[in-house]
Each structure stands twice: as C-alpha cells, then as structure tokens.
C-alpha atoms as a PDB file:
ATOM      1  CA  MET A   1    -131.484  -2.305  58.349  1.00  0.00           C
ATOM      2  CA  PHE A   2    -131.704  -2.451  62.135  1.00  0.00           C
ATOM      3  CA  LYS A   3    -130.785  -5.778  63.699  1.00  0.00           C
ATOM      4  CA  ALA A   4    -130.475  -4.984  67.410  1.00  0.00           C
ATOM      5  CA  VAL A   5    -131.978  -2.962  70.233  1.00  0.00           C
ATOM      6  CA  ILE A   6    -129.819  -1.983  73.204  1.00  0.00           C
ATOM      7  CA  PHE A   7    -131.663  -1.055  76.394  1.00  0.00           C
ATOM      8  CA  ASP A   8    -130.465   1.095  79.223  1.00  0.00           C
ATOM      9  CA  MET A   9    -131.778  -0.408  82.463  1.00  0.00           C
ATOM     10  CA  ASP A  10    -132.435   2.151  85.221  1.00  0.00           C
ATOM     11  CA  GLY A  11    -135.404   4.288  84.254  1.00  0.00           C
ATOM     12  CA  VAL A  12    -136.044   2.264  81.086  1.00  0.00           C
ATOM     13  CA  ILE A  13    -136.553  -1.360  82.158  1.00  0.00           C
ATOM     14  CA  ILE A  14    -136.975  -0.730  85.883  1.00  0.00           C
ATOM     15  CA  ASP A  15    -138.366   2.382  87.526  1.00  0.00           C
ATOM     16  CA  SER A  16    -135.461   2.657  89.929  1.00  0.00           C
ATOM     17  CA  GLU A  17    -134.424   6.306  89.948  1.00  0.00           C
ATOM     18  CA  PRO A  18    -136.571   7.249  92.999  1.00  0.00           C
ATOM     19  CA  VAL A  19    -134.869   4.462  94.991  1.00  0.00           C
ATOM     20  CA  HIS A  20    -131.418   5.538  93.792  1.00  0.00           C
ATOM     21  CA  LEU A  21    -132.260   9.109  94.817  1.00  0.00           C
ATOM     22  CA  LYS A  22    -133.459   8.063  98.279  1.00  0.00           C
ATOM     23  CA  LEU A  23    -130.441   5.846  99.022  1.00  0.00           C
ATOM     24  CA  GLU A  24    -127.881   8.261  97.613  1.00  0.00           C
ATOM     25  CA  TYR A  25    -129.283  11.142  99.671  1.00  0.00           C
ATOM     26  CA  GLU A  26    -128.938   8.962 102.755  1.00  0.00           C
ATOM     27  CA  ILE A  27    -125.246   8.653 101.881  1.00  0.00           C
ATOM     28  CA  TYR A  28    -124.943  12.395 101.233  1.00  0.00           C
ATOM     29  CA  ASP A  29    -126.336  12.950 104.736  1.00  0.00           C
ATOM     30  CA  GLU A  30    -123.804  10.473 106.162  1.00  0.00           C
ATOM     31  CA  LEU A  31    -121.005  12.385 104.446  1.00  0.00           C
ATOM     32  CA  GLY A  32    -122.361  15.807 105.418  1.00  0.00           C
ATOM     33  CA  ILE A  33    -122.532  17.164 101.869  1.00  0.00           C
ATOM     34  CA  ASP A  34    -125.329  19.236 100.357  1.00  0.00           C
ATOM     35  CA  VAL A  35    -125.978  18.020  96.811  1.00  0.00           C
ATOM     36  CA  THR A  36    -128.850  19.775  95.055  1.00  0.00           C
ATOM     37  CA  ARG A  37    -131.442  17.814  93.063  1.00  0.00           C
ATOM     38  CA  GLU A  38    -130.296  19.656  89.948  1.00  0.00           C
ATOM     39  CA  GLU A  39    -126.701  18.555  90.495  1.00  0.00           C
ATOM     40  CA  HIS A  40    -127.779  15.006  91.294  1.00  0.00           C
ATOM     41  CA  SER A  41    -129.787  14.797  88.059  1.00  0.00           C
ATOM     42  CA  THR A  42    -126.613  15.411  86.028  1.00  0.00           C
ATOM     43  CA  PHE A  43    -125.323  12.010  87.181  1.00  0.00           C
ATOM     44  CA  VAL A  44    -128.332  10.031  85.898  1.00  0.00           C
ATOM     45  CA  GLY A  45    -127.027   7.482  83.405  1.00  0.00           C
ATOM     46  CA  THR A  46    -123.382   7.737  84.481  1.00  0.00           C
ATOM     47  CA  THR A  47    -121.341   5.133  86.351  1.00  0.00           C
ATOM     48  CA  SER A  48    -120.983   5.255  90.117  1.00  0.00           C
ATOM     49  CA  HIS A  49    -117.223   5.699  89.637  1.00  0.00           C
ATOM     50  CA  TYR A  50    -117.800   8.838  87.592  1.00  0.00           C
ATOM     51  CA  MET A  51    -120.341  10.241  90.061  1.00  0.00           C
ATOM     52  CA  TRP A  52    -118.350   9.600  93.222  1.00  0.00           C
ATOM     53  CA  ASP A  53    -115.061  10.719  91.685  1.00  0.00           C
ATOM     54  CA  THR A  54    -116.728  14.020  90.744  1.00  0.00           C
ATOM     55  CA  LEU A  55    -118.308  14.456  94.180  1.00  0.00           C
ATOM     56  CA  LYS A  56    -115.120  13.467  96.015  1.00  0.00           C
ATOM     57  CA  LYS A  57    -113.152  16.159  94.188  1.00  0.00           C
ATOM     58  CA  LYS A  58    -115.819  18.871  94.465  1.00  0.00           C
ATOM     59  CA  TYR A  59    -116.591  18.345  98.161  1.00  0.00           C
ATOM     60  CA  LYS A  60    -113.051  17.322  99.125  1.00  0.00           C
ATOM     61  CA  LEU A  61    -114.210  14.059 100.654  1.00  0.00           C
ATOM     62  CA  SER A  62    -111.615  12.235 102.733  1.00  0.00           C
ATOM     63  CA  GLN A  63    -113.050   8.782 102.041  1.00  0.00           C
ATOM     64  CA  ASP A  64    -111.331   6.553  99.511  1.00  0.00           C
ATOM     65  CA  LEU A  65    -113.021   6.460  96.087  1.00  0.00           C
ATOM     66  CA  ASP A  66    -113.341   2.663  96.168  1.00  0.00           C
ATOM     67  CA  TYR A  67    -115.043   2.892  99.559  1.00  0.00           C
ATOM     68  CA  LEU A  68    -117.577   5.462  98.293  1.00  0.00           C
ATOM     69  CA  VAL A  69    -118.375   3.431  95.174  1.00  0.00           C
ATOM     70  CA  ASN A  70    -118.622   0.099  96.964  1.00  0.00           C
ATOM     71  CA  HIS A  71    -120.662   1.523  99.847  1.00  0.00           C
ATOM     72  CA  ALA A  72    -123.252   2.992  97.444  1.00  0.00           C
ATOM     73  CA  ARG A  73    -123.375  -0.150  95.324  1.00  0.00           C
ATOM     74  CA  GLU A  74    -123.760  -2.475  98.313  1.00  0.00           C
ATOM     75  CA  LYS A  75    -126.525  -0.297  99.761  1.00  0.00           C
ATOM     76  CA  TYR A  76    -128.511  -0.428  96.503  1.00  0.00           C
ATOM     77  CA  PHE A  77    -127.915  -4.140  95.860  1.00  0.00           C
ATOM     78  CA  ASN A  78    -129.056  -5.016  99.384  1.00  0.00           C
ATOM     79  CA  HIS A  79    -132.248  -3.035  98.847  1.00  0.00           C
ATOM     80  CA  LEU A  80    -132.866  -4.516  95.398  1.00  0.00           C
ATOM     81  CA  THR A  81    -132.618  -8.077  96.691  1.00  0.00           C
ATOM     82  CA  SER A  82    -134.599  -7.488  99.892  1.00  0.00           C
ATOM     83  CA  GLU A  83    -138.262  -8.112 100.586  1.00  0.00           C
ATOM     84  CA  GLU A  84    -138.681  -4.346 101.044  1.00  0.00           C
ATOM     85  CA  CYS A  85    -137.602  -3.638  97.457  1.00  0.00           C
ATOM     86  CA  GLU A  86    -139.669  -0.830  95.927  1.00  0.00           C
ATOM     87  CA  VAL A  87    -138.300  -1.203  92.388  1.00  0.00           C
ATOM     88  CA  ALA A  88    -140.777  -2.262  89.685  1.00  0.00           C
ATOM     89  CA  LEU A  89    -140.730  -2.820  85.939  1.00  0.00           C
ATOM     90  CA  VAL A  90    -141.535   0.215  83.807  1.00  0.00           C
ATOM     91  CA  GLU A  91    -145.099  -0.108  82.510  1.00  0.00           C
ATOM     92  CA  GLY A  92    -145.292  -1.709  79.077  1.00  0.00           C
ATOM     93  CA  VAL A  93    -141.607  -2.524  78.772  1.00  0.00           C
ATOM     94  CA  ARG A  94    -141.982  -6.309  79.120  1.00  0.00           C
ATOM     95  CA  ASP A  95    -144.436  -6.479  76.213  1.00  0.00           C
ATOM     96  CA  PHE A  96    -142.155  -4.281  74.094  1.00  0.00           C
ATOM     97  CA  ILE A  97    -139.127  -6.485  74.856  1.00  0.00           C
ATOM     98  CA  ARG A  98    -141.130  -9.651  74.172  1.00  0.00           C
ATOM     99  CA  LYS A  99    -142.348  -8.378  70.785  1.00  0.00           C
ATOM    100  CA  LEU A 100    -138.807  -7.475  69.743  1.00  0.00           C
ATOM    101  CA  HIS A 101    -137.559 -10.901  70.827  1.00  0.00           C
ATOM    102  CA  GLU A 102    -140.335 -12.706  68.977  1.00  0.00           C
ATOM    103  CA  ARG A 103    -139.413 -10.987  65.719  1.00  0.00           C
ATOM    104  CA  GLY A 104    -135.794 -12.169  66.099  1.00  0.00           C
ATOM    105  CA  THR A 105    -134.219  -8.884  67.159  1.00  0.00           C
ATOM    106  CA  LYS A 106    -130.906  -9.142  68.996  1.00  0.00           C
ATOM    107  CA  LEU A 107    -131.288  -7.600  72.454  1.00  0.00           C
ATOM    108  CA  ALA A 108    -128.779  -6.282  74.971  1.00  0.00           C
ATOM    109  CA  ILE A 109    -128.753  -4.343  78.215  1.00  0.00           C
ATOM    110  CA  ALA A 110    -126.054  -1.672  78.444  1.00  0.00           C
ATOM    111  CA  SER A 111    -126.254  -0.085  81.872  1.00  0.00           C
ATOM    112  CA  SER A 112    -123.965   1.995  84.051  1.00  0.00           C
ATOM    113  CA  SER A 113    -125.037  -0.212  86.962  1.00  0.00           C
ATOM    114  CA  PRO A 114    -122.606  -2.966  88.062  1.00  0.00           C
ATOM    115  CA  LEU A 115    -122.987  -6.457  86.615  1.00  0.00           C
ATOM    116  CA  ASN A 116    -124.355  -8.062  89.797  1.00  0.00           C
ATOM    117  CA  VAL A 117    -127.212  -5.543  89.789  1.00  0.00           C
ATOM    118  CA  ILE A 118    -127.988  -6.105  86.093  1.00  0.00           C
ATOM    119  CA  GLU A 119    -127.966  -9.876  86.588  1.00  0.00           C
ATOM    120  CA  ALA A 120    -130.187  -9.550  89.672  1.00  0.00           C
ATOM    121  CA  VAL A 121    -132.729  -7.408  87.813  1.00  0.00           C
ATOM    122  CA  VAL A 122    -132.853  -9.829  84.874  1.00  0.00           C
ATOM    123  CA  LYS A 123    -133.411 -12.728  87.282  1.00  0.00           C
ATOM    124  CA  ILE A 124    -135.896 -11.009  89.625  1.00  0.00           C
ATOM    125  CA  PHE A 125    -138.105  -9.864  86.751  1.00  0.00           C
ATOM    126  CA  LYS A 126    -137.644 -13.051  84.692  1.00  0.00           C
ATOM    127  CA  LEU A 127    -136.097 -11.446  81.619  1.00  0.00           C
ATOM    128  CA  GLU A 128    -133.287 -13.991  81.078  1.00  0.00           C
ATOM    129  CA  GLU A 129    -134.723 -15.463  77.876  1.00  0.00           C
ATOM    130  CA  TYR A 130    -134.774 -12.115  76.072  1.00  0.00           C
ATOM    131  CA  PHE A 131    -131.275 -10.689  76.448  1.00  0.00           C
ATOM    132  CA  GLU A 132    -128.226 -12.343  74.946  1.00  0.00           C
ATOM    133  CA  VAL A 133    -125.747  -9.680  76.097  1.00  0.00           C
ATOM    134  CA  LEU A 134    -125.428  -7.809  79.412  1.00  0.00           C
ATOM    135  CA  VAL A 135    -122.925  -4.957  79.471  1.00  0.00           C
ATOM    136  CA  THR A 136    -121.940  -2.756  82.412  1.00  0.00           C
ATOM    137  CA  GLY A 137    -120.118   0.554  82.443  1.00  0.00           C
ATOM    138  CA  ASP A 138    -117.372  -1.205  84.397  1.00  0.00           C
ATOM    139  CA  MET A 139    -116.409  -3.038  81.190  1.00  0.00           C
ATOM    140  CA  VAL A 140    -115.420   0.108  79.272  1.00  0.00           C
ATOM    141  CA  ARG A 141    -113.021   2.973  79.814  1.00  0.00           C
ATOM    142  CA  LYS A 142    -115.350   5.966  79.692  1.00  0.00           C
ATOM    143  CA  SER A 143    -118.799   6.497  81.219  1.00  0.00           C
ATOM    144  CA  LYS A 144    -121.825   7.819  79.392  1.00  0.00           C
ATOM    145  CA  PRO A 145    -122.134  10.423  77.822  1.00  0.00           C
ATOM    146  CA  GLU A 146    -119.203   8.875  75.937  1.00  0.00           C
ATOM    147  CA  PRO A 147    -120.258   6.118  73.500  1.00  0.00           C
ATOM    148  CA  ASP A 148    -117.963   3.318  74.755  1.00  0.00           C
ATOM    149  CA  ILE A 149    -120.653   1.175  76.402  1.00  0.00           C
ATOM    150  CA  PHE A 150    -122.933   1.106  73.354  1.00  0.00           C
ATOM    151  CA  ILE A 151    -120.109   0.422  70.911  1.00  0.00           C
ATOM    152  CA  TYR A 152    -118.964  -2.454  73.126  1.00  0.00           C
ATOM    153  CA  ALA A 153    -122.526  -3.843  73.334  1.00  0.00           C
ATOM    154  CA  ALA A 154    -122.797  -3.768  69.536  1.00  0.00           C
ATOM    155  CA  GLU A 155    -119.500  -5.650  69.239  1.00  0.00           C
ATOM    156  CA  LYS A 156    -120.743  -8.302  71.684  1.00  0.00           C
ATOM    157  CA  LEU A 157    -123.956  -8.667  69.676  1.00  0.00           C
ATOM    158  CA  GLY A 158    -121.992  -8.971  66.426  1.00  0.00           C
ATOM    159  CA  VAL A 159    -123.646  -5.989  64.727  1.00  0.00           C
ATOM    160  CA  SER A 160    -122.521  -2.569  63.458  1.00  0.00           C
ATOM    161  CA  PRO A 161    -123.437   0.609  65.364  1.00  0.00           C
ATOM    162  CA  ASN A 162    -125.624   1.766  62.466  1.00  0.00           C
ATOM    163  CA  GLU A 163    -127.652  -1.441  62.841  1.00  0.00           C
ATOM    164  CA  CYS A 164    -128.597  -0.609  66.454  1.00  0.00           C
ATOM    165  CA  ILE A 165    -131.395   1.271  68.174  1.00  0.00           C
ATOM    166  CA  VAL A 166    -130.773   2.401  71.760  1.00  0.00           C
ATOM    167  CA  VAL A 167    -133.549   2.975  74.319  1.00  0.00           C
ATOM    168  CA  GLU A 168    -132.571   5.598  76.906  1.00  0.00           C
ATOM    169  CA  ASP A 169    -134.165   7.867  79.490  1.00  0.00           C
ATOM    170  CA  SER A 170    -131.269  10.168  80.389  1.00  0.00           C
ATOM    171  CA  HIS A 171    -129.528  13.097  78.744  1.00  0.00           C
ATOM    172  CA  ASN A 172    -126.169  11.380  79.212  1.00  0.00           C
ATOM    173  CA  GLY A 173    -127.465   8.128  77.718  1.00  0.00           C
ATOM    174  CA  VAL A 174    -129.001   9.727  74.639  1.00  0.00           C
ATOM    175  CA  ARG A 175    -125.804  11.688  74.002  1.00  0.00           C
ATOM    176  CA  ALA A 176    -123.808   8.460  74.253  1.00  0.00           C
ATOM    177  CA  ALA A 177    -126.094   6.691  71.784  1.00  0.00           C
ATOM    178  CA  LYS A 178    -125.839   9.471  69.226  1.00  0.00           C
ATOM    179  CA  LYS A 179    -122.056   9.648  69.635  1.00  0.00           C
ATOM    180  CA  ALA A 180    -121.991   5.897  68.931  1.00  0.00           C
ATOM    181  CA  GLY A 181    -123.734   6.516  65.606  1.00  0.00           C
ATOM    182  CA  MET A 182    -126.918   4.737  66.677  1.00  0.00           C
ATOM    183  CA  LYS A 183    -130.580   5.667  66.429  1.00  0.00           C
ATOM    184  CA  CYS A 184    -132.146   6.409  69.797  1.00  0.00           C
ATOM    185  CA  ILE A 185    -135.592   6.170  71.351  1.00  0.00           C
ATOM    186  CA  GLY A 186    -135.848   8.549  74.273  1.00  0.00           C
ATOM    187  CA  TYR A 187    -138.237   7.339  76.969  1.00  0.00           C
ATOM    188  CA  LYS A 188    -139.504  10.268  79.009  1.00  0.00           C
ATOM    189  CA  ASN A 189    -139.627   8.904  82.543  1.00  0.00           C
ATOM    190  CA  ILE A 190    -140.731  11.559  85.035  1.00  0.00           C
ATOM    191  CA  SER A 191    -138.994   9.597  87.788  1.00  0.00           C
ATOM    192  CA  SER A 192    -135.629  10.299  86.110  1.00  0.00           C
ATOM    193  CA  GLY A 193    -135.916  14.045  86.699  1.00  0.00           C
ATOM    194  CA  ASN A 194    -135.938  16.808  84.139  1.00  0.00           C
ATOM    195  CA  GLN A 195    -133.780  15.049  81.549  1.00  0.00           C
ATOM    196  CA  ASP A 196    -133.215  16.731  78.178  1.00  0.00           C
ATOM    197  CA  ILE A 197    -133.649  13.860  75.703  1.00  0.00           C
ATOM    198  CA  SER A 198    -134.717  16.051  72.792  1.00  0.00           C
ATOM    199  CA  MET A 199    -131.770  14.885  70.659  1.00  0.00           C
ATOM    200  CA  ALA A 200    -133.241  11.362  70.487  1.00  0.00           C
ATOM    201  CA  ASP A 201    -134.659  10.299  67.117  1.00  0.00           C
ATOM    202  CA  LEU A 202    -137.994   9.482  68.752  1.00  0.00           C
ATOM    203  CA  VAL A 203    -139.240  10.651  72.152  1.00  0.00           C
ATOM    204  CA  VAL A 204    -142.087   8.712  73.806  1.00  0.00           C
ATOM    205  CA  GLU A 205    -143.890   8.830  77.132  1.00  0.00           C
ATOM    206  CA  ALA A 206    -145.049   5.200  77.008  1.00  0.00           C
ATOM    207  CA  PHE A 207    -143.780   2.032  75.348  1.00  0.00           C
ATOM    208  CA  SER A 208    -147.249   1.502  73.908  1.00  0.00           C
ATOM    209  CA  GLU A 209    -146.427   4.416  71.586  1.00  0.00           C
ATOM    210  CA  VAL A 210    -143.671   2.376  69.895  1.00  0.00           C
ATOM    211  CA  ASP A 211    -144.634  -0.017  67.111  1.00  0.00           C
ATOM    212  CA  ALA A 212    -141.944  -2.725  67.214  1.00  0.00           C
ATOM    213  CA  ASP A 213    -142.633  -3.806  63.629  1.00  0.00           C
ATOM    214  CA  ARG A 214    -142.471  -0.309  62.146  1.00  0.00           C
ATOM    215  CA  LEU A 215    -139.056   0.291  63.696  1.00  0.00           C
ATOM    216  CA  PHE A 216    -137.537  -2.221  61.310  1.00  0.00           C
ATOM    217  CA  LYS A 217    -139.232  -1.131  58.080  1.00  0.00           C
END
C-alpha cells in the first residue's frame, strides 16, 4: 500500500531546466570551457557538487570547487528571486499535488537543488501547505543516481521505501528511485533534454494522464 509521493523539483514541479542551461552556459563561457549539450544533459538531476567536481577534474579548472558551486548556486538563486524570473510551474502539477494532499497522501520534495532554492520555490508558488518534508542532495552522502536522497526522504516521512512513489524527469533521478526500491512515475519533460526514463514504472507526458486515486488501489 502506497502512503507517500516524493517529488523531484526541477523539471517536475517547476520548468526550470532551460534557465539552468542558460545560466550554466554563461558560467562555462566565463571559465572558457566547451561543454556539449549531450555532456550537460548527463548532469540533470545531480547535485551541483557532483557536476562541478566532475567538470573541474575533466577540464582541469583552477578555481576552487566551493567557489564553482557557490557561484552557480548564487547566480540561479538571484535569478529565481528576481522580477525577471522565467521559471514557471509545470502545467498540471499543482492540481496533481493538491489531489494527492486531499486524499491524505504524505508528500515530500527531494531535490538536488540547495535548500534555500527549494524553500524559495515552495514559497513563490504557494505550495507550503502540501509538503511536510523538504530534502536536498546536500543532506546525503551520494548524489543521484544513487538512492540516498529518496531513502532519506522516506525516513523523514516515516514510511518504508516500498510505500513510496517517486515522480522524476531525469535518467539519474529514475535510476535513484529504482535503486531505493520505490515505484517511479517518469514525467517526460522536453525541457529536460533527451532523458532516458524508460525504466520508470509509468511514463507520462502530462500530469493529467495520472489518476491520483488509481495509484493507491
């Protein structure tokens, strides 16, 4: 019996990947590195520490890892909280979240984004009443595609992994959910790039395709 749904945030709750792409390529230009779109897409769903550690080693960047991570995070947070913010809710996701909440489902966000970004998104889009747990990749040892973040979210919710459904849009996120022993809904967001989410238990192109009541039968 499923008791909880754990949502990824970027690309699932908010359509933020195009903004991430734009801002991160501005940083790549600053650093003078040529990162292909294909390579960039492999980092979707991972933590900024994982991404910048990988890029620092590959491109032999002289900048300190903490500087790279903090610079990228500050750049995105400043955009997110500005009047010029281009990030919007994914179509249909609010109704889906509301229906789950109304039926008494425990809800969590488990995102590789830092906590201040998760909290800002929840506040900006008025989602505070729905989520009882907010988990960031900074709280666990290993980034997606390892299962740490989802196992930790389940612990915080007080449920077993086999009582959870994860909603993800990235290859790394779906892999993490399955490694955690959880069922997974793969949301095919074209803004997230060509992500292989075929290993999800259910793949949808719109949240209107998901019947919240039937999930728990």
